[in-house]
PDB file of all heavy atoms in Angstrom:
ATOM      1  N   ARG A   1      -4.950  16.717   1.190  1.00  0.00           N
ATOM      2  CA  ARG A   1      -5.580  15.412   1.404  1.00  0.00           C
ATOM      3  C   ARG A   1      -4.525  14.329   1.200  1.00  0.00           C
ATOM      4  O   ARG A   1      -3.911  14.276   0.136  1.00  0.00           O
ATOM      5  CB  ARG A   1      -6.771  15.240   0.460  1.00  0.00           C
ATOM      6  CG  ARG A   1      -7.890  16.201   0.803  1.00  0.00           C
ATOM      7  CD  ARG A   1      -9.166  15.921   0.026  1.00  0.00           C
ATOM      8  NE  ARG A   1      -9.641  14.572   0.274  1.00  0.00           N
ATOM      9  CZ  ARG A   1     -10.469  13.924  -0.519  1.00  0.00           C
ATOM     10  NH1 ARG A   1     -10.883  14.484  -1.648  1.00  0.00           N
ATOM     11  NH2 ARG A   1     -10.862  12.714  -0.247  1.00  0.00           N
ATOM     12  N   VAL A   2      -4.416  13.466   2.158  1.00  0.00           N
ATOM     13  CA  VAL A   2      -3.480  12.365   2.077  1.00  0.00           C
ATOM     14  C   VAL A   2      -3.850  11.470   0.928  1.00  0.00           C
ATOM     15  O   VAL A   2      -4.987  11.057   0.788  1.00  0.00           O
ATOM     16  CB  VAL A   2      -3.403  11.593   3.440  1.00  0.00           C
ATOM     17  CG1 VAL A   2      -2.534  10.350   3.293  1.00  0.00           C
ATOM     18  CG2 VAL A   2      -2.895  12.495   4.480  1.00  0.00           C
ATOM     19  N   GLY A   3      -2.850  11.110   0.087  1.00  0.00           N
ATOM     20  CA  GLY A   3      -3.085  10.126  -1.014  1.00  0.00           C
ATOM     21  C   GLY A   3      -3.581  10.722  -2.315  1.00  0.00           C
ATOM     22  O   GLY A   3      -3.734   9.999  -3.252  1.00  0.00           O
ATOM     23  N   LEU A   4      -3.866  12.003  -2.328  1.00  0.00           N
ATOM     24  CA  LEU A   4      -4.375  12.616  -3.565  1.00  0.00           C
ATOM     25  C   LEU A   4      -3.395  13.695  -4.027  1.00  0.00           C
ATOM     26  O   LEU A   4      -3.054  14.558  -3.167  1.00  0.00           O
ATOM     27  CB  LEU A   4      -5.762  13.186  -3.340  1.00  0.00           C
ATOM     28  CG  LEU A   4      -6.829  12.156  -3.066  1.00  0.00           C
ATOM     29  CD1 LEU A   4      -8.145  12.834  -2.821  1.00  0.00           C
ATOM     30  CD2 LEU A   4      -6.996  11.178  -4.214  1.00  0.00           C
ATOM     31  N   PRO A   5      -2.965  13.706  -5.211  1.00  0.00           N
ATOM     32  CA  PRO A   5      -3.301  12.718  -6.233  1.00  0.00           C
ATOM     33  C   PRO A   5      -2.607  11.384  -5.950  1.00  0.00           C
ATOM     34  O   PRO A   5      -1.586  11.316  -5.253  1.00  0.00           O
ATOM     35  CB  PRO A   5      -2.714  13.334  -7.528  1.00  0.00           C
ATOM     36  CG  PRO A   5      -1.596  14.181  -7.054  1.00  0.00           C
ATOM     37  CD  PRO A   5      -1.989  14.707  -5.713  1.00  0.00           C
ATOM     38  N   VAL A   6      -3.195  10.304  -6.450  1.00  0.00           N
ATOM     39  CA  VAL A   6      -2.639   8.967  -6.221  1.00  0.00           C
ATOM     40  C   VAL A   6      -1.271   8.884  -6.885  1.00  0.00           C
ATOM     41  O   VAL A   6      -1.080   9.365  -8.003  1.00  0.00           O
ATOM     42  CB  VAL A   6      -3.577   7.902  -6.831  1.00  0.00           C
ATOM     43  CG1 VAL A   6      -2.943   6.532  -6.786  1.00  0.00           C
ATOM     44  CG2 VAL A   6      -4.877   7.907  -6.070  1.00  0.00           C
ATOM     45  N   GLN A   7      -0.324   8.386  -6.149  1.00  0.00           N
ATOM     46  CA  GLN A   7       1.071   8.205  -6.655  1.00  0.00           C
ATOM     47  C   GLN A   7       1.280   6.775  -7.083  1.00  0.00           C
ATOM     48  O   GLN A   7       0.435   5.927  -6.817  1.00  0.00           O
ATOM     49  CB  GLN A   7       2.044   8.564  -5.553  1.00  0.00           C
ATOM     50  CG  GLN A   7       1.897   9.970  -4.982  1.00  0.00           C
ATOM     51  CD  GLN A   7       2.163  11.067  -6.000  1.00  0.00           C
ATOM     52  OE1 GLN A   7       3.196  11.059  -6.628  1.00  0.00           O
ATOM     53  NE2 GLN A   7       1.256  11.971  -6.148  1.00  0.00           N
ATOM     54  N   CYS A   8       2.396   6.473  -7.642  1.00  0.00           N
ATOM     55  CA  CYS A   8       2.656   5.072  -8.074  1.00  0.00           C
ATOM     56  C   CYS A   8       3.203   4.314  -6.867  1.00  0.00           C
ATOM     57  O   CYS A   8       3.098   4.733  -5.736  1.00  0.00           O
ATOM     58  CB  CYS A   8       3.621   5.018  -9.286  1.00  0.00           C
ATOM     59  SG  CYS A   8       5.279   5.589  -8.858  1.00  0.00           S
ATOM     60  N   ALA A   9       3.833   3.179  -7.135  1.00  0.00           N
ATOM     61  CA  ALA A   9       4.387   2.260  -6.141  1.00  0.00           C
ATOM     62  C   ALA A   9       3.314   1.507  -5.428  1.00  0.00           C
ATOM     63  O   ALA A   9       3.281   1.414  -4.196  1.00  0.00           O
ATOM     64  CB  ALA A   9       5.281   3.041  -5.172  1.00  0.00           C
ATOM     65  N   GLU A  10       2.403   0.973  -6.207  1.00  0.00           N
ATOM     66  CA  GLU A  10       1.291   0.161  -5.564  1.00  0.00           C
ATOM     67  C   GLU A  10       1.695  -1.249  -5.231  1.00  0.00           C
ATOM     68  O   GLU A  10       0.989  -1.929  -4.501  1.00  0.00           O
ATOM     69  CB  GLU A  10       0.071   0.107  -6.532  1.00  0.00           C
ATOM     70  CG  GLU A  10      -0.566   1.474  -6.761  1.00  0.00           C
ATOM     71  CD  GLU A  10       0.003   2.240  -7.921  1.00  0.00           C
ATOM     72  OE1 GLU A  10       0.914   1.747  -8.609  1.00  0.00           O
ATOM     73  OE2 GLU A  10      -0.448   3.371  -8.152  1.00  0.00           O
ATOM     74  N   TYR A  11       2.785  -1.720  -5.752  1.00  0.00           N
ATOM     75  CA  TYR A  11       3.194  -3.117  -5.530  1.00  0.00           C
ATOM     76  C   TYR A  11       3.966  -3.254  -4.228  1.00  0.00           C
ATOM     77  O   TYR A  11       4.850  -2.478  -3.936  1.00  0.00           O
ATOM     78  CB  TYR A  11       4.096  -3.588  -6.713  1.00  0.00           C
ATOM     79  CG  TYR A  11       4.792  -4.885  -6.427  1.00  0.00           C
ATOM     80  CD1 TYR A  11       4.090  -6.106  -6.525  1.00  0.00           C
ATOM     81  CD2 TYR A  11       6.137  -4.957  -6.053  1.00  0.00           C
ATOM     82  CE1 TYR A  11       4.728  -7.297  -6.256  1.00  0.00           C
ATOM     83  CE2 TYR A  11       6.781  -6.126  -5.814  1.00  0.00           C
ATOM     84  CZ  TYR A  11       6.060  -7.329  -5.875  1.00  0.00           C
ATOM     85  OH  TYR A  11       6.690  -8.495  -5.615  1.00  0.00           O
ATOM     86  N   ILE A  12       3.593  -4.286  -3.451  1.00  0.00           N
ATOM     87  CA  ILE A  12       4.319  -4.639  -2.238  1.00  0.00           C
ATOM     88  C   ILE A  12       4.618  -6.104  -2.310  1.00  0.00           C
ATOM     89  O   ILE A  12       3.677  -6.941  -2.400  1.00  0.00           O
ATOM     90  CB  ILE A  12       3.468  -4.343  -0.968  1.00  0.00           C
ATOM     91  CG1 ILE A  12       3.175  -2.894  -0.847  1.00  0.00           C
ATOM     92  CG2 ILE A  12       4.238  -4.843   0.279  1.00  0.00           C
ATOM     93  CD1 ILE A  12       2.284  -2.551   0.308  1.00  0.00           C
ATOM     94  N   PRO A  13       5.894  -6.502  -2.284  1.00  0.00           N
ATOM     95  CA  PRO A  13       6.234  -7.934  -2.289  1.00  0.00           C
ATOM     96  C   PRO A  13       5.712  -8.622  -1.025  1.00  0.00           C
ATOM     97  O   PRO A  13       5.669  -8.006   0.041  1.00  0.00           O
ATOM     98  CB  PRO A  13       7.762  -7.960  -2.403  1.00  0.00           C
ATOM     99  CG  PRO A  13       8.202  -6.622  -1.986  1.00  0.00           C
ATOM    100  CD  PRO A  13       7.055  -5.682  -2.220  1.00  0.00           C
ATOM    101  N   LEU A  14       5.379  -9.885  -1.141  1.00  0.00           N
ATOM    102  CA  LEU A  14       4.860 -10.651   0.010  1.00  0.00           C
ATOM    103  C   LEU A  14       5.859 -10.664   1.177  1.00  0.00           C
ATOM    104  O   LEU A  14       5.453 -10.649   2.341  1.00  0.00           O
ATOM    105  CB  LEU A  14       4.490 -12.100  -0.358  1.00  0.00           C
ATOM    106  CG  LEU A  14       3.162 -12.235  -1.077  1.00  0.00           C
ATOM    107  CD1 LEU A  14       2.879 -13.707  -1.301  1.00  0.00           C
ATOM    108  CD2 LEU A  14       2.033 -11.583  -0.327  1.00  0.00           C
ATOM    109  N   VAL A  15       7.165 -10.631   0.918  1.00  0.00           N
ATOM    110  CA  VAL A  15       8.129 -10.617   2.000  1.00  0.00           C
ATOM    111  C   VAL A  15       8.010  -9.356   2.835  1.00  0.00           C
ATOM    112  O   VAL A  15       8.422  -9.362   4.017  1.00  0.00           O
ATOM    113  CB  VAL A  15       9.601 -10.795   1.456  1.00  0.00           C
ATOM    114  CG1 VAL A  15       9.752 -12.127   0.804  1.00  0.00           C
ATOM    115  CG2 VAL A  15       9.952  -9.669   0.553  1.00  0.00           C
ATOM    116  N   LEU A  16       7.452  -8.288   2.314  1.00  0.00           N
ATOM    117  CA  LEU A  16       7.234  -7.090   3.077  1.00  0.00           C
ATOM    118  C   LEU A  16       5.783  -6.818   3.440  1.00  0.00           C
ATOM    119  O   LEU A  16       5.515  -5.953   4.295  1.00  0.00           O
ATOM    120  CB  LEU A  16       7.717  -5.862   2.256  1.00  0.00           C
ATOM    121  CG  LEU A  16       9.198  -5.787   1.943  1.00  0.00           C
ATOM    122  CD1 LEU A  16       9.511  -4.589   1.093  1.00  0.00           C
ATOM    123  CD2 LEU A  16      10.044  -5.795   3.209  1.00  0.00           C
ATOM    124  N   ALA A  17       4.863  -7.588   2.844  1.00  0.00           N
ATOM    125  CA  ALA A  17       3.435  -7.347   3.055  1.00  0.00           C
ATOM    126  C   ALA A  17       3.031  -7.447   4.508  1.00  0.00           C
ATOM    127  O   ALA A  17       2.117  -6.746   5.007  1.00  0.00           O
ATOM    128  CB  ALA A  17       2.595  -8.295   2.194  1.00  0.00           C
ATOM    129  N   GLY A  18       3.671  -8.288   5.307  1.00  0.00           N
ATOM    130  CA  GLY A  18       3.375  -8.434   6.710  1.00  0.00           C
ATOM    131  C   GLY A  18       3.787  -7.245   7.544  1.00  0.00           C
ATOM    132  O   GLY A  18       3.276  -6.999   8.600  1.00  0.00           O
ATOM    133  N   GLU A  19       4.692  -6.446   6.964  1.00  0.00           N
ATOM    134  CA  GLU A  19       5.185  -5.235   7.687  1.00  0.00           C
ATOM    135  C   GLU A  19       4.342  -3.998   7.370  1.00  0.00           C
ATOM    136  O   GLU A  19       4.426  -2.977   8.084  1.00  0.00           O
ATOM    137  CB  GLU A  19       6.664  -4.963   7.344  1.00  0.00           C
ATOM    138  CG  GLU A  19       7.542  -6.090   7.793  1.00  0.00           C
ATOM    139  CD  GLU A  19       8.970  -5.849   7.395  1.00  0.00           C
ATOM    140  OE1 GLU A  19       9.387  -4.672   7.270  1.00  0.00           O
ATOM    141  OE2 GLU A  19       9.676  -6.830   7.178  1.00  0.00           O
ATOM    142  N   VAL A  20       3.531  -4.102   6.310  1.00  0.00           N
ATOM    143  CA  VAL A  20       2.715  -2.989   5.890  1.00  0.00           C
ATOM    144  C   VAL A  20       1.271  -3.307   6.286  1.00  0.00           C
ATOM    145  O   VAL A  20       0.745  -4.329   5.858  1.00  0.00           O
ATOM    146  CB  VAL A  20       2.782  -2.756   4.374  1.00  0.00           C
ATOM    147  CG1 VAL A  20       1.839  -1.652   3.928  1.00  0.00           C
ATOM    148  CG2 VAL A  20       4.216  -2.437   3.957  1.00  0.00           C
ATOM    149  N   GLN A  21       0.690  -2.504   7.154  1.00  0.00           N
ATOM    150  CA  GLN A  21      -0.609  -2.770   7.693  1.00  0.00           C
ATOM    151  C   GLN A  21      -1.691  -2.219   6.730  1.00  0.00           C
ATOM    152  O   GLN A  21      -2.161  -1.139   6.888  1.00  0.00           O
ATOM    153  CB  GLN A  21      -0.755  -2.197   9.101  1.00  0.00           C
ATOM    154  CG  GLN A  21       0.202  -2.749  10.052  1.00  0.00           C
ATOM    155  CD  GLN A  21       0.093  -2.126  11.417  1.00  0.00           C
ATOM    156  OE1 GLN A  21      -0.853  -1.456  11.744  1.00  0.00           O
ATOM    157  NE2 GLN A  21       1.081  -2.342  12.242  1.00  0.00           N
ATOM    158  N   ALA A  22      -2.005  -3.015   5.732  1.00  0.00           N
ATOM    159  CA  ALA A  22      -2.998  -2.626   4.724  1.00  0.00           C
ATOM    160  C   ALA A  22      -4.293  -3.379   4.962  1.00  0.00           C
ATOM    161  O   ALA A  22      -4.277  -4.599   5.091  1.00  0.00           O
ATOM    162  CB  ALA A  22      -2.468  -2.924   3.311  1.00  0.00           C
ATOM    163  N   PRO A  23      -5.435  -2.669   5.071  1.00  0.00           N
ATOM    164  CA  PRO A  23      -6.713  -3.385   5.169  1.00  0.00           C
ATOM    165  C   PRO A  23      -7.014  -4.129   3.902  1.00  0.00           C
ATOM    166  O   PRO A  23      -6.547  -3.797   2.844  1.00  0.00           O
ATOM    167  CB  PRO A  23      -7.700  -2.251   5.417  1.00  0.00           C
ATOM    168  CG  PRO A  23      -7.093  -1.082   4.793  1.00  0.00           C
ATOM    169  CD  PRO A  23      -5.599  -1.243   4.934  1.00  0.00           C
ATOM    170  N   GLU A  24      -7.767  -5.228   4.033  1.00  0.00           N
ATOM    171  CA  GLU A  24      -8.101  -6.058   2.863  1.00  0.00           C
ATOM    172  C   GLU A  24      -8.748  -5.233   1.766  1.00  0.00           C
ATOM    173  O   GLU A  24      -8.555  -5.468   0.593  1.00  0.00           O
ATOM    174  CB  GLU A  24      -8.955  -7.221   3.276  1.00  0.00           C
ATOM    175  CG  GLU A  24      -9.123  -8.271   2.222  1.00  0.00           C
ATOM    176  CD  GLU A  24      -7.831  -8.939   1.746  1.00  0.00           C
ATOM    177  OE1 GLU A  24      -6.920  -9.114   2.605  1.00  0.00           O
ATOM    178  OE2 GLU A  24      -7.719  -9.331   0.591  1.00  0.00           O
ATOM    179  N   ALA A  25      -9.547  -4.219   2.169  1.00  0.00           N
ATOM    180  CA  ALA A  25     -10.200  -3.340   1.157  1.00  0.00           C
ATOM    181  C   ALA A  25      -9.238  -2.583   0.331  1.00  0.00           C
ATOM    182  O   ALA A  25      -9.561  -2.142  -0.789  1.00  0.00           O
ATOM    183  CB  ALA A  25     -11.170  -2.418   1.870  1.00  0.00           C
ATOM    184  N   ALA A  26      -7.975  -2.411   0.775  1.00  0.00           N
ATOM    185  CA  ALA A  26      -7.003  -1.669   0.007  1.00  0.00           C
ATOM    186  C   ALA A  26      -6.191  -2.576  -0.901  1.00  0.00           C
ATOM    187  O   ALA A  26      -5.371  -2.085  -1.674  1.00  0.00           O
ATOM    188  CB  ALA A  26      -6.056  -0.959   0.983  1.00  0.00           C
TER     189      ALA A  26
END
């Protein structure tokens, strides 16, 4: 199962946030 177990690295700087397509719920 993708994403399990949950790994670290949850922080994304705003300068990269536009390049990562994360839904608002995430």
